[in-house]
PDB file of N, CA and C in Angstrom:
ATOM      1  N   MET A   1     128.991 115.406  82.522  1.00  0.00           N
ATOM      2  CA  MET A   1     128.570 114.534  83.322  1.00  0.00           C
ATOM      3  C   MET A   1     128.812 112.919  82.333  1.00  0.00           C
ATOM      4  N   SER A   2     129.058 112.268  83.104  1.00  0.00           N
ATOM      5  CA  SER A   2     128.988 110.742  82.487  1.00  0.00           C
ATOM      6  C   SER A   2     127.777 110.032  82.629  1.00  0.00           C
ATOM      7  N   ALA A   3     127.843 109.103  81.435  1.00  0.00           N
ATOM      8  CA  ALA A   3     126.618 108.348  81.465  1.00  0.00           C
ATOM      9  C   ALA A   3     126.269 107.395  82.694  1.00  0.00           C
ATOM     10  N   THR A   4     127.281 107.026  83.345  1.00  0.00           N
ATOM     11  CA  THR A   4     127.692 106.405  84.598  1.00  0.00           C
ATOM     12  C   THR A   4     126.793 107.162  85.576  1.00  0.00           C
ATOM     13  N   THR A   5     127.144 108.443  85.592  1.00  0.00           N
ATOM     14  CA  THR A   5     126.344 109.328  86.573  1.00  0.00           C
ATOM     15  C   THR A   5     124.883 109.344  86.210  1.00  0.00           C
ATOM     16  N   VAL A   6     124.660 109.417  85.262  1.00  0.00           N
ATOM     17  CA  VAL A   6     122.882 109.557  85.052  1.00  0.00           C
ATOM     18  C   VAL A   6     122.148 108.048  85.374  1.00  0.00           C
ATOM     19  N   GLN A   7     123.040 107.143  85.202  1.00  0.00           N
ATOM     20  CA  GLN A   7     122.576 105.612  85.464  1.00  0.00           C
ATOM     21  C   GLN A   7     122.361 105.949  87.023  1.00  0.00           C
ATOM     22  N   LEU A   8     123.497 105.979  87.733  1.00  0.00           N
ATOM     23  CA  LEU A   8     123.638 106.407  89.157  1.00  0.00           C
ATOM     24  C   LEU A   8     122.270 107.065  89.544  1.00  0.00           C
ATOM     25  N   LEU A   9     121.937 108.345  89.138  1.00  0.00           N
ATOM     26  CA  LEU A   9     121.046 108.905  89.509  1.00  0.00           C
ATOM     27  C   LEU A   9     119.652 108.373  89.044  1.00  0.00           C
ATOM     28  N   ARG A  10     119.481 107.512  88.011  1.00  0.00           N
ATOM     29  CA  ARG A  10     118.364 106.671  87.748  1.00  0.00           C
ATOM     30  C   ARG A  10     118.061 105.984  88.583  1.00  0.00           C
ATOM     31  N   ALA A  11     119.175 104.735  89.209  1.00  0.00           N
ATOM     32  CA  ALA A  11     118.865 103.819  90.180  1.00  0.00           C
ATOM     33  C   ALA A  11     118.327 104.620  91.423  1.00  0.00           C
ATOM     34  N   ALA A  12     119.324 105.681  92.077  1.00  0.00           N
ATOM     35  CA  ALA A  12     118.865 106.236  93.200  1.00  0.00           C
ATOM     36  C   ALA A  12     117.431 106.771  93.080  1.00  0.00           C
ATOM     37  N   SER A  13     116.856 107.212  92.079  1.00  0.00           N
ATOM     38  CA  SER A  13     115.377 107.807  91.752  1.00  0.00           C
ATOM     39  C   SER A  13     114.546 106.600  92.086  1.00  0.00           C
ATOM     40  N   GLU A  14     114.681 105.494  91.730  1.00  0.00           N
ATOM     41  CA  GLU A  14     114.030 104.331  91.472  1.00  0.00           C
ATOM     42  C   GLU A  14     113.888 103.895  93.261  1.00  0.00           C
ATOM     43  N   ILE A  15     115.066 103.666  93.700  1.00  0.00           N
ATOM     44  CA  ILE A  15     114.918 103.501  95.149  1.00  0.00           C
ATOM     45  C   ILE A  15     114.636 104.229  95.922  1.00  0.00           C
ATOM     46  N   ALA A  16     114.619 105.743  95.781  1.00  0.00           N
ATOM     47  CA  ALA A  16     113.771 106.595  96.837  1.00  0.00           C
ATOM     48  C   ALA A  16     112.371 106.393  96.136  1.00  0.00           C
ATOM     49  N   GLY A  17     111.940 106.142  95.298  1.00  0.00           N
ATOM     50  CA  GLY A  17     110.396 106.030  94.972  1.00  0.00           C
ATOM     51  C   GLY A  17     109.995 106.647  93.874  1.00  0.00           C
ATOM     52  N   SER A  18     110.940 107.823  93.418  1.00  0.00           N
ATOM     53  CA  SER A  18     110.407 108.873  92.391  1.00  0.00           C
ATOM     54  C   SER A  18     111.412 109.945  92.223  1.00  0.00           C
ATOM     55  N   LYS A  19     111.368 110.855  91.623  1.00  0.00           N
ATOM     56  CA  LYS A  19     112.644 111.582  91.173  1.00  0.00           C
ATOM     57  C   LYS A  19     112.253 113.025  92.307  1.00  0.00           C
ATOM     58  N   LYS A  20     111.206 113.158  92.798  1.00  0.00           N
ATOM     59  CA  LYS A  20     110.732 114.000  93.396  1.00  0.00           C
ATOM     60  C   LYS A  20     111.383 113.696  94.974  1.00  0.00           C
ATOM     61  N   ALA A  21     110.996 112.553  95.250  1.00  0.00           N
ATOM     62  CA  ALA A  21     111.540 111.991  96.493  1.00  0.00           C
ATOM     63  C   ALA A  21     113.250 111.976  96.355  1.00  0.00           C
ATOM     64  N   LEU A  22     113.698 111.537  95.563  1.00  0.00           N
ATOM     65  CA  LEU A  22     115.183 112.063  95.279  1.00  0.00           C
ATOM     66  C   LEU A  22     116.012 112.964  95.486  1.00  0.00           C
ATOM     67  N   ALA A  23     115.210 114.084  94.726  1.00  0.00           N
ATOM     68  CA  ALA A  23     115.444 115.468  95.246  1.00  0.00           C
ATOM     69  C   ALA A  23     115.659 115.853  96.210  1.00  0.00           C
ATOM     70  N   GLU A  24     114.376 115.479  97.071  1.00  0.00           N
ATOM     71  CA  GLU A  24     113.991 115.870  98.731  1.00  0.00           C
ATOM     72  C   GLU A  24     115.251 115.541  99.301  1.00  0.00           C
ATOM     73  N   ARG A  25     115.903 113.909  98.966  1.00  0.00           N
ATOM     74  CA  ARG A  25     116.738 113.218  99.720  1.00  0.00           C
ATOM     75  C   ARG A  25     118.107 113.814  99.430  1.00  0.00           C
ATOM     76  N   LEU A  26     118.085 114.516  98.362  1.00  0.00           N
ATOM     77  CA  LEU A  26     119.445 115.534  98.111  1.00  0.00           C
ATOM     78  C   LEU A  26     119.647 116.632  98.561  1.00  0.00           C
ATOM     79  N   GLY A  27     118.352 117.214  98.717  1.00  0.00           N
ATOM     80  CA  GLY A  27     118.076 118.530  99.364  1.00  0.00           C
ATOM     81  C   GLY A  27     118.488 119.745  98.240  1.00  0.00           C
ATOM     82  N   ILE A  28     117.622 119.085  96.821  1.00  0.00           N
ATOM     83  CA  ILE A  28     117.868 120.281  95.675  1.00  0.00           C
ATOM     84  C   ILE A  28     116.401 119.990  95.097  1.00  0.00           C
ATOM     85  N   SER A  29     115.823 121.038  94.241  1.00  0.00           N
ATOM     86  CA  SER A  29     114.808 120.980  93.718  1.00  0.00           C
ATOM     87  C   SER A  29     114.540 119.806  92.706  1.00  0.00           C
ATOM     88  N   GLU A  30     113.521 119.467  92.489  1.00  0.00           N
ATOM     89  CA  GLU A  30     113.140 118.407  91.389  1.00  0.00           C
ATOM     90  C   GLU A  30     113.592 119.231  89.893  1.00  0.00           C
ATOM     91  N   GLY A  31     113.682 120.077  89.755  1.00  0.00           N
ATOM     92  CA  GLY A  31     113.875 120.919  88.405  1.00  0.00           C
ATOM     93  C   GLY A  31     115.451 120.911  88.317  1.00  0.00           C
ATOM     94  N   LEU A  32     116.427 120.927  89.457  1.00  0.00           N
ATOM     95  CA  LEU A  32     117.544 120.872  89.272  1.00  0.00           C
ATOM     96  C   LEU A  32     118.081 119.559  89.038  1.00  0.00           C
ATOM     97  N   LEU A  33     117.425 118.440  89.768  1.00  0.00           N
ATOM     98  CA  LEU A  33     117.644 117.011  89.780  1.00  0.00           C
ATOM     99  C   LEU A  33     117.314 116.797  88.154  1.00  0.00           C
ATOM    100  N   ALA A  34     116.225 117.172  87.484  1.00  0.00           N
ATOM    101  CA  ALA A  34     116.217 116.762  86.437  1.00  0.00           C
ATOM    102  C   ALA A  34     117.186 117.313  85.331  1.00  0.00           C
ATOM    103  N   LYS A  35     117.658 118.410  85.542  1.00  0.00           N
ATOM    104  CA  LYS A  35     119.054 119.040  84.841  1.00  0.00           C
ATOM    105  C   LYS A  35     120.011 118.055  84.909  1.00  0.00           C
ATOM    106  N   PHE A  36     120.508 117.274  86.037  1.00  0.00           N
ATOM    107  CA  PHE A  36     121.184 116.823  86.050  1.00  0.00           C
ATOM    108  C   PHE A  36     121.121 115.413  85.591  1.00  0.00           C
ATOM    109  N   MET A  37     119.983 114.919  85.658  1.00  0.00           N
ATOM    110  CA  MET A  37     119.657 113.752  84.983  1.00  0.00           C
ATOM    111  C   MET A  37     119.646 113.621  83.503  1.00  0.00           C
ATOM    112  N   ASN A  38     119.349 114.886  83.041  1.00  0.00           N
ATOM    113  CA  ASN A  38     119.410 115.343  81.332  1.00  0.00           C
ATOM    114  C   ASN A  38     120.788 115.495  81.018  1.00  0.00           C
ATOM    115  N   ASP A  39     122.068 115.628  81.834  1.00  0.00           N
ATOM    116  CA  ASP A  39     123.569 115.655  81.514  1.00  0.00           C
ATOM    117  C   ASP A  39     123.483 116.978  81.036  1.00  0.00           C
ATOM    118  N   SER A  40     122.676 118.071  81.693  1.00  0.00           N
ATOM    119  CA  SER A  40     123.010 119.199  81.522  1.00  0.00           C
ATOM    120  C   SER A  40     123.869 120.010  82.299  1.00  0.00           C
ATOM    121  N   PHE A  41     123.785 119.584  83.788  1.00  0.00           N
ATOM    122  CA  PHE A  41     124.980 120.019  84.658  1.00  0.00           C
ATOM    123  C   PHE A  41     125.506 119.075  84.813  1.00  0.00           C
ATOM    124  N   GLU A  42     126.834 119.282  85.535  1.00  0.00           N
ATOM    125  CA  GLU A  42     127.699 118.462  86.066  1.00  0.00           C
ATOM    126  C   GLU A  42     127.186 118.462  87.534  1.00  0.00           C
ATOM    127  N   LEU A  43     127.065 117.076  87.906  1.00  0.00           N
ATOM    128  CA  LEU A  43     126.754 116.721  89.360  1.00  0.00           C
ATOM    129  C   LEU A  43     127.931 116.828  90.493  1.00  0.00           C
ATOM    130  N   PRO A  44     127.692 117.938  91.203  1.00  0.00           N
ATOM    131  CA  PRO A  44     128.963 118.314  92.203  1.00  0.00           C
ATOM    132  C   PRO A  44     128.987 117.077  92.876  1.00  0.00           C
ATOM    133  N   ASP A  45     130.220 116.793  93.573  1.00  0.00           N
ATOM    134  CA  ASP A  45     130.679 115.511  94.267  1.00  0.00           C
ATOM    135  C   ASP A  45     129.732 115.380  95.514  1.00  0.00           C
ATOM    136  N   PRO A  46     129.398 116.104  96.122  1.00  0.00           N
ATOM    137  CA  PRO A  46     128.795 116.040  97.454  1.00  0.00           C
ATOM    138  C   PRO A  46     127.402 115.335  96.953  1.00  0.00           C
ATOM    139  N   LEU A  47     126.608 115.767  96.040  1.00  0.00           N
ATOM    140  CA  LEU A  47     125.621 115.312  95.746  1.00  0.00           C
ATOM    141  C   LEU A  47     125.657 113.898  95.028  1.00  0.00           C
ATOM    142  N   LEU A  48     126.630 113.565  94.367  1.00  0.00           N
ATOM    143  CA  LEU A  48     126.765 112.517  93.955  1.00  0.00           C
ATOM    144  C   LEU A  48     127.117 111.217  95.033  1.00  0.00           C
ATOM    145  N   LEU A  49     127.879 111.881  96.144  1.00  0.00           N
ATOM    146  CA  LEU A  49     127.966 111.005  97.234  1.00  0.00           C
ATOM    147  C   LEU A  49     126.405 110.559  97.922  1.00  0.00           C
ATOM    148  N   ARG A  50     125.841 111.603  98.050  1.00  0.00           N
ATOM    149  CA  ARG A  50     124.428 111.595  98.606  1.00  0.00           C
ATOM    150  C   ARG A  50     123.530 110.316  97.952  1.00  0.00           C
ATOM    151  N   ALA A  51     123.684 110.342  96.313  1.00  0.00           N
ATOM    152  CA  ALA A  51     123.098 109.774  95.557  1.00  0.00           C
ATOM    153  C   ALA A  51     123.618 108.198  96.009  1.00  0.00           C
ATOM    154  N   VAL A  52     124.901 108.068  96.003  1.00  0.00           N
ATOM    155  CA  VAL A  52     125.441 106.548  96.205  1.00  0.00           C
ATOM    156  C   VAL A  52     125.153 106.309  97.761  1.00  0.00           C
ATOM    157  N   ASP A  53     124.944 107.027  98.304  1.00  0.00           N
ATOM    158  CA  ASP A  53     124.341 106.856  99.815  1.00  0.00           C
ATOM    159  C   ASP A  53     123.101 106.020  99.779  1.00  0.00           C
ATOM    160  N   VAL A  54     122.194 106.615  99.045  1.00  0.00           N
ATOM    161  CA  VAL A  54     120.807 106.064  98.766  1.00  0.00           C
ATOM    162  C   VAL A  54     121.176 104.795  98.500  1.00  0.00           C
ATOM    163  N   ILE A  55     121.753 104.356  97.343  1.00  0.00           N
ATOM    164  CA  ILE A  55     121.922 103.214  96.862  1.00  0.00           C
ATOM    165  C   ILE A  55     122.483 102.313  97.784  1.00  0.00           C
ATOM    166  N   LEU A  56     123.520 102.534  98.513  1.00  0.00           N
ATOM    167  CA  LEU A  56     124.262 101.572  99.420  1.00  0.00           C
ATOM    168  C   LEU A  56     123.360 101.412 100.571  1.00  0.00           C
ATOM    169  N   ALA A  57     122.796 102.483 100.959  1.00  0.00           N
ATOM    170  CA  ALA A  57     121.346 101.899 102.299  1.00  0.00           C
ATOM    171  C   ALA A  57     120.734 101.108 101.764  1.00  0.00           C
ATOM    172  N   ASP A  58     120.075 101.078 100.310  1.00  0.00           N
ATOM    173  CA  ASP A  58     118.979 100.154  99.998  1.00  0.00           C
ATOM    174  C   ASP A  58     119.711  98.538  99.921  1.00  0.00           C
ATOM    175  N   ARG A  59     120.977  98.487  99.427  1.00  0.00           N
ATOM    176  CA  ARG A  59     121.752  97.222  99.328  1.00  0.00           C
ATOM    177  C   ARG A  59     121.853  96.739 100.497  1.00  0.00           C
ATOM    178  N   GLN A  60     122.320  97.629 101.693  1.00  0.00           N
ATOM    179  CA  GLN A  60     122.774  96.841 103.012  1.00  0.00           C
ATOM    180  C   GLN A  60     121.465  96.540 103.507  1.00  0.00           C
ATOM    181  N   SER A  61     120.177  97.035 103.274  1.00  0.00           N
ATOM    182  CA  SER A  61     119.142  96.718 104.057  1.00  0.00           C
ATOM    183  C   SER A  61     118.720  95.337 103.583  1.00  0.00           C
ATOM    184  N   GLY A  62     119.188  94.890 102.308  1.00  0.00           N
ATOM    185  CA  GLY A  62     118.901  93.465 101.692  1.00  0.00           C
ATOM    186  C   GLY A  62     119.499  92.451 102.261  1.00  0.00           C
ATOM    187  N   PHE A  63     120.985  92.954 102.983  1.00  0.00           N
ATOM    188  CA  PHE A  63     121.787  92.101 103.650  1.00  0.00           C
ATOM    189  C   PHE A  63     121.738  92.105 104.977  1.00  0.00           C
ATOM    190  N   SER A  64     120.848  92.837 105.705  1.00  0.00           N
ATOM    191  CA  SER A  64     120.854  92.765 106.823  1.00  0.00           C
ATOM    192  C   SER A  64     120.380  91.682 107.863  1.00  0.00           C
ATOM    193  N   ARG A  65     119.532  90.998 107.309  1.00  0.00           N
ATOM    194  CA  ARG A  65     119.199  89.624 107.960  1.00  0.00           C
ATOM    195  C   ARG A  65     120.229  88.535 107.832  1.00  0.00           C
ATOM    196  N   LEU A  66     120.579  88.285 108.873  1.00  0.00           N
ATOM    197  CA  LEU A  66     121.674  87.009 108.929  1.00  0.00           C
ATOM    198  C   LEU A  66     120.961  85.968 109.086  1.00  0.00           C
ATOM    199  N   PRO A  67     121.460  84.726 108.415  1.00  0.00           N
ATOM    200  CA  PRO A  67     120.615  83.454 108.604  1.00  0.00           C
ATOM    201  C   PRO A  67     120.599  82.840 110.287  1.00  0.00           C
ATOM    202  N   GLU A  68     119.576  82.429 110.770  1.00  0.00           N
ATOM    203  CA  GLU A  68     119.489  81.914 111.966  1.00  0.00           C
ATOM    204  C   GLU A  68     120.537  80.753 112.132  1.00  0.00           C
ATOM    205  N   ALA A  69     121.276  80.553 113.450  1.00  0.00           N
ATOM    206  CA  ALA A  69     122.149  79.369 113.589  1.00  0.00           C
ATOM    207  C   ALA A  69     121.799  78.364 113.175  1.00  0.00           C
ATOM    208  N   ASP A  70     120.458  77.768 113.028  1.00  0.00           N
ATOM    209  CA  ASP A  70     120.073  76.366 112.496  1.00  0.00           C
ATOM    210  C   ASP A  70     119.859  76.410 111.018  1.00  0.00           C
ATOM    211  N   GLU A  71     119.991  77.564 110.288  1.00  0.00           N
ATOM    212  CA  GLU A  71     120.149  77.935 109.077  1.00  0.00           C
ATOM    213  C   GLU A  71     121.224  77.672 108.251  1.00  0.00           C
ATOM    214  N   THR A  72     122.442  77.954 109.068  1.00  0.00           N
ATOM    215  CA  THR A  72     123.645  77.906 108.452  1.00  0.00           C
ATOM    216  C   THR A  72     124.098  76.476 107.901  1.00  0.00           C
ATOM    217  N   PRO A  73     124.761  76.471 106.857  1.00  0.00           N
ATOM    218  CA  PRO A  73     125.109  75.063 105.970  1.00  0.00           C
ATOM    219  C   PRO A  73     125.958  74.054 107.059  1.00  0.00           C
ATOM    220  N   HIS A  74     126.691  74.542 107.936  1.00  0.00           N
ATOM    221  CA  HIS A  74     127.416  73.631 108.655  1.00  0.00           C
ATOM    222  C   HIS A  74     126.635  73.096 109.708  1.00  0.00           C
ATOM    223  N   ASN A  75     125.514  73.568 110.032  1.00  0.00           N
ATOM    224  CA  ASN A  75     124.656  73.063 111.130  1.00  0.00           C
ATOM    225  C   ASN A  75     123.724  71.953 110.497  1.00  0.00           C
ATOM    226  N   ARG A  76     123.465  71.989 109.276  1.00  0.00           N
ATOM    227  CA  ARG A  76     122.617  71.125 108.708  1.00  0.00           C
ATOM    228  C   ARG A  76     123.188  69.775 108.718  1.00  0.00           C
ATOM    229  N   GLY A  77     122.299  68.829 109.030  1.00  0.00           N
ATOM    230  CA  GLY A  77     123.115  67.409 108.917  1.00  0.00           C
ATOM    231  C   GLY A  77     121.950  66.411 109.363  1.00  0.00           C
ATOM    232  N   ASN A  78     122.424  65.535 110.071  1.00  0.00           N
ATOM    233  CA  ASN A  78     121.180  64.544 110.636  1.00  0.00           C
ATOM    234  C   ASN A  78     120.368  64.920 111.610  1.00  0.00           C
ATOM    235  N   GLY A  79     120.672  65.880 112.170  1.00  0.00           N
ATOM    236  CA  GLY A  79     119.892  66.693 113.321  1.00  0.00           C
ATOM    237  C   GLY A  79     120.167  66.168 114.816  1.00  0.00           C
ATOM    238  N   SER A  80     121.175  65.373 114.771  1.00  0.00           N
ATOM    239  CA  SER A  80     121.648  64.715 115.958  1.00  0.00           C
ATOM    240  C   SER A  80     122.628  65.311 116.869  1.00  0.00           C
ATOM    241  N   GLY A  81     123.231  66.660 115.918  1.00  0.00           N
ATOM    242  CA  GLY A  81     124.249  67.195 116.300  1.00  0.00           C
ATOM    243  C   GLY A  81     125.724  66.542 116.565  1.00  0.00           C
ATOM    244  N   ALA A  82     125.672  65.126 116.377  1.00  0.00           N
ATOM    245  CA  ALA A  82     126.773  64.443 116.638  1.00  0.00           C
ATOM    246  C   ALA A  82     127.694  64.439 115.410  1.00  0.00           C
ATOM    247  N   THR A  83     129.011  64.517 115.476  1.00  0.00           N
ATOM    248  CA  THR A  83     129.640  64.619 114.289  1.00  0.00           C
ATOM    249  C   THR A  83     130.829  63.577 114.292  1.00  0.00           C
ATOM    250  N   THR A  84     131.661  63.117 113.251  1.00  0.00           N
ATOM    251  CA  THR A  84     132.781  62.155 113.396  1.00  0.00           C
ATOM    252  C   THR A  84     133.865  63.126 113.177  1.00  0.00           C
ATOM    253  N   ALA A  85     135.073  62.713 113.105  1.00  0.00           N
ATOM    254  CA  ALA A  85     136.494  63.416 112.572  1.00  0.00           C
ATOM    255  C   ALA A  85     136.269  64.119 111.275  1.00  0.00           C
ATOM    256  N   ALA A  86     135.467  63.277 110.552  1.00  0.00           N
ATOM    257  CA  ALA A  86     135.190  63.850 109.112  1.00  0.00           C
ATOM    258  C   ALA A  86     134.177  64.808 108.835  1.00  0.00           C
ATOM    259  N   GLY A  87     133.277  65.284 110.104  1.00  0.00           N
ATOM    260  CA  GLY A  87     132.518  66.161 110.213  1.00  0.00           C
ATOM    261  C   GLY A  87     131.243  65.790 109.834  1.00  0.00           C
ATOM    262  N   THR A  88     130.805  64.505 109.712  1.00  0.00           N
ATOM    263  CA  THR A  88     129.631  64.071 109.394  1.00  0.00           C
ATOM    264  C   THR A  88     129.210  63.132 110.429  1.00  0.00           C
ATOM    265  N   ALA A  89     128.110  62.777 110.534  1.00  0.00           N
ATOM    266  CA  ALA A  89     127.558  61.672 111.703  1.00  0.00           C
ATOM    267  C   ALA A  89     127.312  60.587 111.245  1.00  0.00           C
TER     268      ALA A  89
END
């Protein structure tokens, strides 16, 4: 297994809250997860993809809030709502 896979498992473990929580999310025992994280066994692709899903879900949750219409840069101006041909009031 590569150092990248070990780093991925560590990141997923932090996101999950603990190694035990990650093992539960992956559907494996904590002992088996430890063997994967110690680079003793190669992580099967389905488990690798589940670990990636943990990380992606966390990343997506950070981007889930879109700015309100009045928070977008093109709506910030003098507050009148009027614009000129150049785009400023």
